[in-house]
């Protein structure tokens, strides 16, 4: 298992609207404040790089997004695995 990824940008969306953006901390965690509702977390990569970074949900899907529901007055935890494919030069790209 690789160590947690610091500095990974994340978008938090409600439907197709970005409601918050954040970046993972040195230990790989992230935190933001949201109103109650259902949100989607995604890594905002575009183009060719998007093929090499994805989010795997705990249920085994690997659709590049993690859905979470926030309830008022509580802390919601949304764990996921960030899959990164790196080439021999340790850059994003085919192995």
PDB file of N, CA and C in Angstrom:
ATOM      1  N   UNK A   1       0.848  -1.186   0.000  1.00  0.00           N
ATOM      2  CA  UNK A   1       0.000   0.000   0.000  1.00  0.00           C
ATOM      3  C   UNK A   1       0.882   1.234   0.000  1.00  0.00           C
ATOM      4  N   UNK A   2       0.584   2.153  -0.875  1.00  0.00           N
ATOM      5  CA  UNK A   2       1.321   3.404  -0.922  1.00  0.00           C
ATOM      6  C   UNK A   2       0.855   4.332   0.191  1.00  0.00           C
ATOM      7  N   UNK A   3       1.702   5.294   0.581  1.00  0.00           N
ATOM      8  CA  UNK A   3       1.291   6.244   1.615  1.00  0.00           C
ATOM      9  C   UNK A   3       0.188   7.157   1.101  1.00  0.00           C
ATOM     10  N   UNK A   4      -0.532   7.813   2.031  1.00  0.00           N
ATOM     11  CA  UNK A   4      -1.582   8.752   1.616  1.00  0.00           C
ATOM     12  C   UNK A   4      -1.015   9.843   0.720  1.00  0.00           C
ATOM     13  N   UNK A   5      -1.877  10.368  -0.147  1.00  0.00           N
ATOM     14  CA  UNK A   5      -1.433  11.373  -1.097  1.00  0.00           C
ATOM     15  C   UNK A   5      -1.723  12.780  -0.644  1.00  0.00           C
ATOM     16  N   UNK A   6      -0.685  13.565  -0.304  1.00  0.00           N
ATOM     17  CA  UNK A   6      -0.919  14.967   0.033  1.00  0.00           C
ATOM     18  C   UNK A   6      -1.075  15.820  -1.218  1.00  0.00           C
ATOM     19  N   UNK A   7      -1.830  16.903  -1.091  1.00  0.00           N
ATOM     20  CA  UNK A   7      -1.928  17.868  -2.175  1.00  0.00           C
ATOM     21  C   UNK A   7      -2.788  17.458  -3.346  1.00  0.00           C
ATOM     22  N   UNK A   8      -3.664  16.466  -3.173  1.00  0.00           N
ATOM     23  CA  UNK A   8      -4.556  16.036  -4.249  1.00  0.00           C
ATOM     24  C   UNK A   8      -5.774  16.956  -4.258  1.00  0.00           C
ATOM     25  N   UNK A   9      -6.063  17.627  -5.382  1.00  0.00           N
ATOM     26  CA  UNK A   9      -7.234  18.499  -5.418  1.00  0.00           C
ATOM     27  C   UNK A   9      -8.519  17.679  -5.491  1.00  0.00           C
ATOM     28  N   UNK A  10      -9.558  18.155  -4.817  1.00  0.00           N
ATOM     29  CA  UNK A  10     -10.862  17.493  -4.829  1.00  0.00           C
ATOM     30  C   UNK A  10     -11.949  18.528  -5.056  1.00  0.00           C
ATOM     31  N   UNK A  11     -12.951  18.168  -5.848  1.00  0.00           N
ATOM     32  CA  UNK A  11     -14.162  18.962  -6.013  1.00  0.00           C
ATOM     33  C   UNK A  11     -15.281  18.246  -5.277  1.00  0.00           C
ATOM     34  N   UNK A  12     -16.139  19.002  -4.594  1.00  0.00           N
ATOM     35  CA  UNK A  12     -17.336  18.451  -3.984  1.00  0.00           C
ATOM     36  C   UNK A  12     -18.516  19.073  -4.714  1.00  0.00           C
ATOM     37  N   UNK A  13     -19.336  18.217  -5.327  1.00  0.00           N
ATOM     38  CA  UNK A  13     -20.441  18.682  -6.167  1.00  0.00           C
ATOM     39  C   UNK A  13     -21.793  18.318  -5.586  1.00  0.00           C
ATOM     40  N   UNK A  14     -22.776  19.175  -5.864  1.00  0.00           N
ATOM     41  CA  UNK A  14     -24.180  18.872  -5.642  1.00  0.00           C
ATOM     42  C   UNK A  14     -24.796  18.880  -7.034  1.00  0.00           C
ATOM     43  N   UNK A  15     -25.165  17.709  -7.521  1.00  0.00           N
ATOM     44  CA  UNK A  15     -25.572  17.591  -8.920  1.00  0.00           C
ATOM     45  C   UNK A  15     -24.363  17.863  -9.790  1.00  0.00           C
ATOM     46  N   UNK A  16     -24.448  18.849 -10.656  1.00  0.00           N
ATOM     47  CA  UNK A  16     -23.305  19.193 -11.505  1.00  0.00           C
ATOM     48  C   UNK A  16     -22.617  20.488 -11.053  1.00  0.00           C
ATOM     49  N   UNK A  17     -23.079  21.052  -9.927  1.00  0.00           N
ATOM     50  CA  UNK A  17     -22.524  22.310  -9.427  1.00  0.00           C
ATOM     51  C   UNK A  17     -21.449  22.057  -8.380  1.00  0.00           C
ATOM     52  N   UNK A  18     -20.268  22.634  -8.580  1.00  0.00           N
ATOM     53  CA  UNK A  18     -19.203  22.524  -7.584  1.00  0.00           C
ATOM     54  C   UNK A  18     -19.574  23.398  -6.391  1.00  0.00           C
ATOM     55  N   UNK A  19     -19.716  22.775  -5.212  1.00  0.00           N
ATOM     56  CA  UNK A  19     -20.084  23.491  -3.994  1.00  0.00           C
ATOM     57  C   UNK A  19     -18.866  23.827  -3.143  1.00  0.00           C
ATOM     58  N   UNK A  20     -17.779  23.058  -3.308  1.00  0.00           N
ATOM     59  CA  UNK A  20     -16.562  23.305  -2.545  1.00  0.00           C
ATOM     60  C   UNK A  20     -15.390  22.658  -3.268  1.00  0.00           C
ATOM     61  N   UNK A  21     -14.225  23.206  -3.035  1.00  0.00           N
ATOM     62  CA  UNK A  21     -12.992  22.575  -3.488  1.00  0.00           C
ATOM     63  C   UNK A  21     -12.063  22.502  -2.290  1.00  0.00           C
ATOM     64  N   UNK A  22     -11.240  21.489  -2.256  1.00  0.00           N
ATOM     65  CA  UNK A  22     -10.300  21.321  -1.157  1.00  0.00           C
ATOM     66  C   UNK A  22      -9.108  20.522  -1.668  1.00  0.00           C
ATOM     67  N   UNK A  23      -8.128  20.360  -0.826  1.00  0.00           N
ATOM     68  CA  UNK A  23      -6.922  19.609  -1.173  1.00  0.00           C
ATOM     69  C   UNK A  23      -6.597  18.690  -0.009  1.00  0.00           C
ATOM     70  N   UNK A  24      -6.117  17.488  -0.301  1.00  0.00           N
ATOM     71  CA  UNK A  24      -5.784  16.561   0.770  1.00  0.00           C
ATOM     72  C   UNK A  24      -4.570  17.068   1.557  1.00  0.00           C
ATOM     73  N   UNK A  25      -4.590  16.806   2.867  1.00  0.00           N
ATOM     74  CA  UNK A  25      -3.510  17.194   3.771  1.00  0.00           C
ATOM     75  C   UNK A  25      -2.344  16.207   3.641  1.00  0.00           C
ATOM     76  N   UNK A  26      -1.284  16.433   4.385  1.00  0.00           N
ATOM     77  CA  UNK A  26      -0.107  15.564   4.300  1.00  0.00           C
ATOM     78  C   UNK A  26      -0.421  14.118   4.661  1.00  0.00           C
ATOM     79  N   UNK A  27      -1.449  13.893   5.488  1.00  0.00           N
ATOM     80  CA  UNK A  27      -1.819  12.520   5.854  1.00  0.00           C
ATOM     81  C   UNK A  27      -2.892  11.943   4.936  1.00  0.00           C
ATOM     82  N   UNK A  28      -3.243  12.675   3.860  1.00  0.00           N
ATOM     83  CA  UNK A  28      -4.217  12.184   2.894  1.00  0.00           C
ATOM     84  C   UNK A  28      -5.655  12.491   3.227  1.00  0.00           C
ATOM     85  N   UNK A  29      -5.916  13.121   4.366  1.00  0.00           N
ATOM     86  CA  UNK A  29      -7.291  13.451   4.739  1.00  0.00           C
ATOM     87  C   UNK A  29      -7.708  14.770   4.098  1.00  0.00           C
ATOM     88  N   UNK A  30      -9.008  14.999   4.096  1.00  0.00           N
ATOM     89  CA  UNK A  30      -9.532  16.270   3.624  1.00  0.00           C
ATOM     90  C   UNK A  30     -10.706  16.662   4.500  1.00  0.00           C
ATOM     91  N   UNK A  31     -11.007  17.963   4.541  1.00  0.00           N
ATOM     92  CA  UNK A  31     -12.095  18.448   5.374  1.00  0.00           C
ATOM     93  C   UNK A  31     -12.707  19.669   4.715  1.00  0.00           C
ATOM     94  N   UNK A  32     -14.017  19.742   4.776  1.00  0.00           N
ATOM     95  CA  UNK A  32     -14.729  20.922   4.304  1.00  0.00           C
ATOM     96  C   UNK A  32     -16.056  20.991   5.049  1.00  0.00           C
ATOM     97  N   UNK A  33     -16.675  22.133   5.058  1.00  0.00           N
ATOM     98  CA  UNK A  33     -17.970  22.315   5.714  1.00  0.00           C
ATOM     99  C   UNK A  33     -19.037  22.411   4.627  1.00  0.00           C
ATOM    100  N   UNK A  34     -20.084  21.589   4.761  1.00  0.00           N
ATOM    101  CA  UNK A  34     -21.155  21.534   3.767  1.00  0.00           C
ATOM    102  C   UNK A  34     -22.513  21.578   4.451  1.00  0.00           C
ATOM    103  N   UNK A  35     -23.486  22.123   3.768  1.00  0.00           N
ATOM    104  CA  UNK A  35     -24.868  22.072   4.238  1.00  0.00           C
ATOM    105  C   UNK A  35     -25.376  20.634   4.096  1.00  0.00           C
ATOM    106  N   UNK A  36     -26.401  20.247   4.841  1.00  0.00           N
ATOM    107  CA  UNK A  36     -26.955  18.904   4.674  1.00  0.00           C
ATOM    108  C   UNK A  36     -27.354  18.652   3.222  1.00  0.00           C
ATOM    109  N   UNK A  37     -27.123  17.434   2.750  1.00  0.00           N
ATOM    110  CA  UNK A  37     -27.476  17.069   1.384  1.00  0.00           C
ATOM    111  C   UNK A  37     -26.623  15.925   0.881  1.00  0.00           C
ATOM    112  N   UNK A  38     -26.805  15.580  -0.377  1.00  0.00           N
ATOM    113  CA  UNK A  38     -26.034  14.514  -1.009  1.00  0.00           C
ATOM    114  C   UNK A  38     -25.037  15.155  -1.963  1.00  0.00           C
ATOM    115  N   UNK A  39     -23.791  14.711  -1.876  1.00  0.00           N
ATOM    116  CA  UNK A  39     -22.700  15.290  -2.643  1.00  0.00           C
ATOM    117  C   UNK A  39     -21.891  14.198  -3.330  1.00  0.00           C
ATOM    118  N   UNK A  40     -21.109  14.625  -4.308  1.00  0.00           N
ATOM    119  CA  UNK A  40     -20.179  13.736  -4.994  1.00  0.00           C
ATOM    120  C   UNK A  40     -18.790  14.344  -4.881  1.00  0.00           C
ATOM    121  N   UNK A  41     -17.811  13.520  -4.502  1.00  0.00           N
ATOM    122  CA  UNK A  41     -16.414  13.947  -4.450  1.00  0.00           C
ATOM    123  C   UNK A  41     -15.734  13.420  -5.698  1.00  0.00           C
ATOM    124  N   UNK A  42     -14.946  14.278  -6.369  1.00  0.00           N
ATOM    125  CA  UNK A  42     -14.210  13.837  -7.549  1.00  0.00           C
ATOM    126  C   UNK A  42     -12.837  14.512  -7.580  1.00  0.00           C
ATOM    127  N   UNK A  43     -11.918  13.875  -8.271  1.00  0.00           N
ATOM    128  CA  UNK A  43     -10.614  14.477  -8.556  1.00  0.00           C
ATOM    129  C   UNK A  43     -10.777  15.228  -9.869  1.00  0.00           C
ATOM    130  N   UNK A  44     -10.573  16.557  -9.883  1.00  0.00           N
ATOM    131  CA  UNK A  44     -10.870  17.351 -11.069  1.00  0.00           C
ATOM    132  C   UNK A  44      -9.774  17.328 -12.129  1.00  0.00           C
ATOM    133  N   UNK A  45      -9.470  16.159 -12.655  1.00  0.00           N
ATOM    134  CA  UNK A  45      -8.492  16.050 -13.735  1.00  0.00           C
ATOM    135  C   UNK A  45      -9.218  15.969 -15.060  1.00  0.00           C
ATOM    136  N   UNK A  46      -8.653  16.570 -16.054  1.00  0.00           N
ATOM    137  CA  UNK A  46      -9.268  16.616 -17.374  1.00  0.00           C
ATOM    138  C   UNK A  46      -8.346  15.967 -18.397  1.00  0.00           C
ATOM    139  N   UNK A  47      -8.899  15.624 -19.524  1.00  0.00           N
ATOM    140  CA  UNK A  47      -8.102  15.139 -20.645  1.00  0.00           C
ATOM    141  C   UNK A  47      -7.419  13.812 -20.384  1.00  0.00           C
ATOM    142  N   UNK A  48      -6.223  13.653 -20.946  1.00  0.00           N
ATOM    143  CA  UNK A  48      -5.510  12.382 -20.891  1.00  0.00           C
ATOM    144  C   UNK A  48      -5.160  11.962 -19.467  1.00  0.00           C
ATOM    145  N   UNK A  49      -4.856  12.918 -18.586  1.00  0.00           N
ATOM    146  CA  UNK A  49      -4.482  12.563 -17.215  1.00  0.00           C
ATOM    147  C   UNK A  49      -5.616  11.892 -16.465  1.00  0.00           C
ATOM    148  N   UNK A  50      -6.852  12.220 -16.801  1.00  0.00           N
ATOM    149  CA  UNK A  50      -7.998  11.635 -16.109  1.00  0.00           C
ATOM    150  C   UNK A  50      -8.038  10.116 -16.251  1.00  0.00           C
ATOM    151  N   UNK A  51      -7.431   9.568 -17.281  1.00  0.00           N
ATOM    152  CA  UNK A  51      -7.404   8.116 -17.484  1.00  0.00           C
ATOM    153  C   UNK A  51      -6.505   7.414 -16.477  1.00  0.00           C
ATOM    154  N   UNK A  52      -5.654   8.167 -15.768  1.00  0.00           N
ATOM    155  CA  UNK A  52      -4.667   7.558 -14.876  1.00  0.00           C
ATOM    156  C   UNK A  52      -4.932   7.809 -13.397  1.00  0.00           C
ATOM    157  N   UNK A  53      -5.991   8.534 -13.066  1.00  0.00           N
ATOM    158  CA  UNK A  53      -6.352   8.790 -11.678  1.00  0.00           C
ATOM    159  C   UNK A  53      -7.838   8.512 -11.521  1.00  0.00           C
ATOM    160  N   UNK A  54      -8.193   7.706 -10.521  1.00  0.00           N
ATOM    161  CA  UNK A  54      -9.604   7.424 -10.283  1.00  0.00           C
ATOM    162  C   UNK A  54      -9.834   7.191  -8.799  1.00  0.00           C
ATOM    163  N   UNK A  55     -11.089   7.268  -8.387  1.00  0.00           N
ATOM    164  CA  UNK A  55     -11.488   7.016  -7.015  1.00  0.00           C
ATOM    165  C   UNK A  55     -12.203   5.678  -6.969  1.00  0.00           C
ATOM    166  N   UNK A  56     -11.769   4.808  -6.066  1.00  0.00           N
ATOM    167  CA  UNK A  56     -12.435   3.516  -5.867  1.00  0.00           C
ATOM    168  C   UNK A  56     -13.284   3.618  -4.607  1.00  0.00           C
ATOM    169  N   UNK A  57     -14.576   3.365  -4.746  1.00  0.00           N
ATOM    170  CA  UNK A  57     -15.471   3.418  -3.599  1.00  0.00           C
ATOM    171  C   UNK A  57     -15.369   2.129  -2.788  1.00  0.00           C
ATOM    172  N   UNK A  58     -15.693   2.205  -1.486  1.00  0.00           N
ATOM    173  CA  UNK A  58     -15.637   1.004  -0.651  1.00  0.00           C
ATOM    174  C   UNK A  58     -16.490  -0.158  -1.159  1.00  0.00           C
ATOM    175  N   UNK A  59     -17.536   0.134  -1.947  1.00  0.00           N
ATOM    176  CA  UNK A  59     -18.383  -0.949  -2.453  1.00  0.00           C
ATOM    177  C   UNK A  59     -17.765  -1.653  -3.661  1.00  0.00           C
ATOM    178  N   UNK A  60     -16.554  -1.215  -4.067  1.00  0.00           N
ATOM    179  CA  UNK A  60     -15.864  -1.895  -5.157  1.00  0.00           C
ATOM    180  C   UNK A  60     -15.995  -1.229  -6.507  1.00  0.00           C
ATOM    181  N   UNK A  61     -16.869  -0.221  -6.636  1.00  0.00           N
ATOM    182  CA  UNK A  61     -16.972   0.459  -7.918  1.00  0.00           C
ATOM    183  C   UNK A  61     -15.739   1.340  -8.110  1.00  0.00           C
ATOM    184  N   UNK A  62     -15.462   1.665  -9.331  1.00  0.00           N
ATOM    185  CA  UNK A  62     -14.299   2.502  -9.626  1.00  0.00           C
ATOM    186  C   UNK A  62     -14.712   3.477 -10.721  1.00  0.00           C
ATOM    187  N   UNK A  63     -15.658   4.368 -10.358  1.00  0.00           N
ATOM    188  CA  UNK A  63     -16.221   5.275 -11.351  1.00  0.00           C
ATOM    189  C   UNK A  63     -15.658   6.688 -11.265  1.00  0.00           C
ATOM    190  N   UNK A  64     -14.613   6.884 -10.463  1.00  0.00           N
ATOM    191  CA  UNK A  64     -13.989   8.186 -10.368  1.00  0.00           C
ATOM    192  C   UNK A  64     -14.699   9.175  -9.469  1.00  0.00           C
ATOM    193  N   UNK A  65     -15.720   8.704  -8.769  1.00  0.00           N
ATOM    194  CA  UNK A  65     -16.489   9.586  -7.890  1.00  0.00           C
ATOM    195  C   UNK A  65     -16.850   8.847  -6.611  1.00  0.00           C
ATOM    196  N   UNK A  66     -17.048   9.604  -5.545  1.00  0.00           N
ATOM    197  CA  UNK A  66     -17.466   9.031  -4.267  1.00  0.00           C
ATOM    198  C   UNK A  66     -18.675   9.822  -3.799  1.00  0.00           C
ATOM    199  N   UNK A  67     -19.804   9.151  -3.617  1.00  0.00           N
ATOM    200  CA  UNK A  67     -21.028   9.804  -3.176  1.00  0.00           C
ATOM    201  C   UNK A  67     -21.098   9.786  -1.652  1.00  0.00           C
ATOM    202  N   UNK A  68     -21.545  10.904  -1.064  1.00  0.00           N
ATOM    203  CA  UNK A  68     -21.718  10.959   0.379  1.00  0.00           C
ATOM    204  C   UNK A  68     -22.948  11.773   0.715  1.00  0.00           C
ATOM    205  N   UNK A  69     -23.552  11.444   1.856  1.00  0.00           N
ATOM    206  CA  UNK A  69     -24.720  12.178   2.344  1.00  0.00           C
ATOM    207  C   UNK A  69     -24.339  12.851   3.649  1.00  0.00           C
ATOM    208  N   UNK A  70     -24.567  14.172   3.728  1.00  0.00           N
ATOM    209  CA  UNK A  70     -24.244  14.964   4.909  1.00  0.00           C
ATOM    210  C   UNK A  70     -25.540  15.245   5.664  1.00  0.00           C
ATOM    211  N   UNK A  71     -25.521  14.955   6.970  1.00  0.00           N
ATOM    212  CA  UNK A  71     -26.659  15.210   7.842  1.00  0.00           C
ATOM    213  C   UNK A  71     -26.309  16.397   8.742  1.00  0.00           C
ATOM    214  N   UNK A  72     -27.253  17.287   8.974  1.00  0.00           N
ATOM    215  CA  UNK A  72     -27.003  18.476   9.787  1.00  0.00           C
ATOM    216  C   UNK A  72     -26.536  18.147  11.188  1.00  0.00           C
ATOM    217  N   UNK A  73     -25.558  18.920  11.696  1.00  0.00           N
ATOM    218  CA  UNK A  73     -25.077  18.778  13.064  1.00  0.00           C
ATOM    219  C   UNK A  73     -24.179  17.583  13.301  1.00  0.00           C
ATOM    220  N   UNK A  74     -23.703  16.940  12.254  1.00  0.00           N
ATOM    221  CA  UNK A  74     -22.854  15.762  12.419  1.00  0.00           C
ATOM    222  C   UNK A  74     -21.596  15.884  11.547  1.00  0.00           C
ATOM    223  N   UNK A  75     -20.645  15.029  11.822  1.00  0.00           N
ATOM    224  CA  UNK A  75     -19.462  14.903  10.979  1.00  0.00           C
ATOM    225  C   UNK A  75     -19.654  13.687  10.095  1.00  0.00           C
ATOM    226  N   UNK A  76     -19.453  13.834   8.812  1.00  0.00           N
ATOM    227  CA  UNK A  76     -19.610  12.735   7.867  1.00  0.00           C
ATOM    228  C   UNK A  76     -18.235  12.330   7.363  1.00  0.00           C
ATOM    229  N   UNK A  77     -17.945  11.036   7.401  1.00  0.00           N
ATOM    230  CA  UNK A  77     -16.677  10.518   6.899  1.00  0.00           C
ATOM    231  C   UNK A  77     -16.928   9.822   5.583  1.00  0.00           C
ATOM    232  N   UNK A  78     -16.135  10.142   4.574  1.00  0.00           N
ATOM    233  CA  UNK A  78     -16.265   9.512   3.261  1.00  0.00           C
ATOM    234  C   UNK A  78     -14.887   9.027   2.828  1.00  0.00           C
ATOM    235  N   UNK A  79     -14.562   7.807   3.205  1.00  0.00           N
ATOM    236  CA  UNK A  79     -13.275   7.226   2.833  1.00  0.00           C
ATOM    237  C   UNK A  79     -13.319   6.723   1.403  1.00  0.00           C
ATOM    238  N   UNK A  80     -12.204   6.824   0.709  1.00  0.00           N
ATOM    239  CA  UNK A  80     -12.073   6.253  -0.626  1.00  0.00           C
ATOM    240  C   UNK A  80     -10.610   6.033  -0.920  1.00  0.00           C
ATOM    241  N   UNK A  81     -10.362   5.239  -1.921  1.00  0.00           N
ATOM    242  CA  UNK A  81      -9.001   4.977  -2.360  1.00  0.00           C
ATOM    243  C   UNK A  81      -8.766   5.714  -3.660  1.00  0.00           C
ATOM    244  N   UNK A  82      -7.685   6.453  -3.712  1.00  0.00           N
ATOM    245  CA  UNK A  82      -7.302   7.154  -4.926  1.00  0.00           C
ATOM    246  C   UNK A  82      -6.307   6.278  -5.664  1.00  0.00           C
ATOM    247  N   UNK A  83      -6.696   5.813  -6.845  1.00  0.00           N
ATOM    248  CA  UNK A  83      -5.826   4.960  -7.657  1.00  0.00           C
ATOM    249  C   UNK A  83      -5.054   5.831  -8.651  1.00  0.00           C
ATOM    250  N   UNK A  84      -3.747   5.735  -8.619  1.00  0.00           N
ATOM    251  CA  UNK A  84      -2.893   6.518  -9.506  1.00  0.00           C
ATOM    252  C   UNK A  84      -1.983   5.559 -10.265  1.00  0.00           C
ATOM    253  N   UNK A  85      -1.995   5.658 -11.587  1.00  0.00           N
ATOM    254  CA  UNK A  85      -1.096   4.856 -12.412  1.00  0.00           C
ATOM    255  C   UNK A  85       0.093   5.725 -12.788  1.00  0.00           C
ATOM    256  N   UNK A  86       1.281   5.242 -12.448  1.00  0.00           N
ATOM    257  CA  UNK A  86       2.500   5.996 -12.749  1.00  0.00           C
ATOM    258  C   UNK A  86       3.391   5.170 -13.661  1.00  0.00           C
ATOM    259  N   UNK A  87       4.151   5.856 -14.496  1.00  0.00           N
ATOM    260  CA  UNK A  87       5.072   5.164 -15.407  1.00  0.00           C
ATOM    261  C   UNK A  87       6.440   5.017 -14.739  1.00  0.00           C
ATOM    262  N   UNK A  88       7.415   4.529 -15.466  1.00  0.00           N
ATOM    263  CA  UNK A  88       8.752   4.276 -14.932  1.00  0.00           C
ATOM    264  C   UNK A  88       9.427   5.545 -14.417  1.00  0.00           C
ATOM    265  N   UNK A  89       9.015   6.709 -14.921  1.00  0.00           N
ATOM    266  CA  UNK A  89       9.580   7.982 -14.464  1.00  0.00           C
ATOM    267  C   UNK A  89       8.811   8.573 -13.302  1.00  0.00           C
ATOM    268  N   UNK A  90       7.875   7.803 -12.713  1.00  0.00           N
ATOM    269  CA  UNK A  90       7.041   8.212 -11.595  1.00  0.00           C
ATOM    270  C   UNK A  90       6.109   9.361 -11.955  1.00  0.00           C
ATOM    271  N   UNK A  91       5.808   9.524 -13.217  1.00  0.00           N
ATOM    272  CA  UNK A  91       4.847  10.517 -13.683  1.00  0.00           C
ATOM    273  C   UNK A  91       3.530   9.817 -13.985  1.00  0.00           C
ATOM    274  N   UNK A  92       2.436  10.563 -13.981  1.00  0.00           N
ATOM    275  CA  UNK A  92       1.157   9.970 -14.362  1.00  0.00           C
ATOM    276  C   UNK A  92       1.238   9.487 -15.796  1.00  0.00           C
ATOM    277  N   UNK A  93       0.795   8.272 -16.019  1.00  0.00           N
ATOM    278  CA  UNK A  93       0.802   7.743 -17.378  1.00  0.00           C
ATOM    279  C   UNK A  93       0.782   6.227 -17.368  1.00  0.00           C
ATOM    280  N   UNK A  94       0.766   5.619 -18.532  1.00  0.00           N
ATOM    281  CA  UNK A  94       0.719   4.153 -18.589  1.00  0.00           C
ATOM    282  C   UNK A  94       1.950   3.541 -17.955  1.00  0.00           C
ATOM    283  N   UNK A  95       1.743   2.419 -17.302  1.00  0.00           N
ATOM    284  CA  UNK A  95       2.846   1.743 -16.605  1.00  0.00           C
ATOM    285  C   UNK A  95       3.943   1.307 -17.548  1.00  0.00           C
TER     286      UNK A  95
END
